[in-house]
Amino acid sequence: FMSETAAALCLSAGYHHAGDRMWQTLTLLFALVPCALVQLSLVFIHRDVSRDRPLVLLLHLLQLGPLV
């Protein structure tokens, strides 16, 4: 999970340096939107917010929720 996100960010940086804004935007869109949806589902399905666990919520906001 983390390596896929890191690879997408590296690829996006490569597109940025090459001046290809469309592919950079598409790469970020297809990499970060699913990550955000996974984190939202983990927060609301597992009810991590209602347990008053701020560290778990912070990890979800940093896209590290699957590690918990």
Protein backbone atom coordinates (compact mmCIF):
# COMPACT_ATOMS: atom_id res chain seq x y z
CA PHE A 1 0.00 0.00 0.00
CA MET A 2 2.67 2.46 0.99
CA SER A 3 5.01 1.43 -1.82
CA GLU A 4 2.27 1.93 -4.39
CA THR A 5 1.63 5.44 -3.09
CA ALA A 6 5.36 6.22 -3.03
CA ALA A 7 5.73 4.95 -6.59
CA ALA A 8 2.83 7.12 -7.76
CA LEU A 9 4.38 10.17 -6.10
CA CYS A 10 7.76 9.47 -7.73
CA LEU A 11 6.10 9.01 -11.11
CA SER A 12 4.18 12.25 -10.61
CA ALA A 13 7.42 14.08 -9.78
CA GLY A 14 8.94 12.67 -12.96
CA TYR A 15 6.00 13.99 -14.98
CA HIS A 16 6.37 17.37 -13.27
CA HIS A 17 10.04 17.60 -14.19
CA ALA A 18 9.22 16.60 -17.79
CA GLY A 19 6.56 19.34 -17.95
CA ASP A 20 3.69 16.94 -18.59
CA ARG A 21 0.99 18.41 -16.37
CA MET A 22 -1.89 16.28 -17.65
CA TRP A 23 -0.24 12.95 -16.78
CA GLN A 24 0.96 14.36 -13.46
CA THR A 25 -2.59 15.36 -12.55
CA LEU A 26 -4.05 12.02 -13.64
CA THR A 27 -1.40 10.09 -11.71
CA LEU A 28 -2.10 12.05 -8.53
CA LEU A 29 -5.85 11.75 -9.03
CA PHE A 30 -5.79 7.97 -9.54
CA ALA A 31 -3.34 7.46 -6.67
CA LEU A 32 -4.71 9.75 -3.96
CA VAL A 33 -8.49 9.50 -4.42
CA PRO A 34 -8.59 5.73 -3.75
CA CYS A 35 -6.28 6.23 -0.76
CA ALA A 36 -8.63 8.84 0.68
CA LEU A 37 -11.66 6.60 0.10
CA VAL A 38 -9.98 3.67 1.83
CA GLN A 39 -9.13 5.86 4.82
CA LEU A 40 -12.68 7.22 5.05
CA SER A 41 -14.12 3.72 4.95
CA LEU A 42 -11.72 2.59 7.68
CA VAL A 43 -12.67 5.55 9.85
CA PHE A 44 -16.42 5.17 9.50
CA ILE A 45 -16.82 1.41 9.19
CA HIS A 46 -14.53 0.55 12.09
CA ARG A 47 -15.76 3.55 14.09
CA ASP A 48 -12.28 4.70 15.07
CA VAL A 49 -13.56 8.23 15.61
CA SER A 50 -16.10 7.24 18.27
CA ARG A 51 -13.51 5.43 20.40
CA ASP A 52 -11.74 8.69 21.26
CA ARG A 53 -8.42 7.50 19.88
CA PRO A 54 -6.69 10.58 18.46
CA LEU A 55 -3.57 8.68 17.37
CA VAL A 56 -5.61 6.36 15.16
CA LEU A 57 -7.45 9.35 13.65
CA LEU A 58 -4.11 11.08 13.00
CA LEU A 59 -2.78 7.96 11.28
CA HIS A 60 -5.87 7.88 9.07
CA LEU A 61 -5.35 11.53 8.16
CA LEU A 62 -1.74 10.77 7.25
CA GLN A 63 -2.95 7.89 5.03
CA LEU A 64 -1.41 5.30 7.36
CA GLY A 65 -4.66 3.80 8.64
CA PRO A 66 -4.15 0.32 7.11
CA LEU A 67 -1.05 -0.12 9.26
CA VAL A 68 -3.20 0.08 12.38
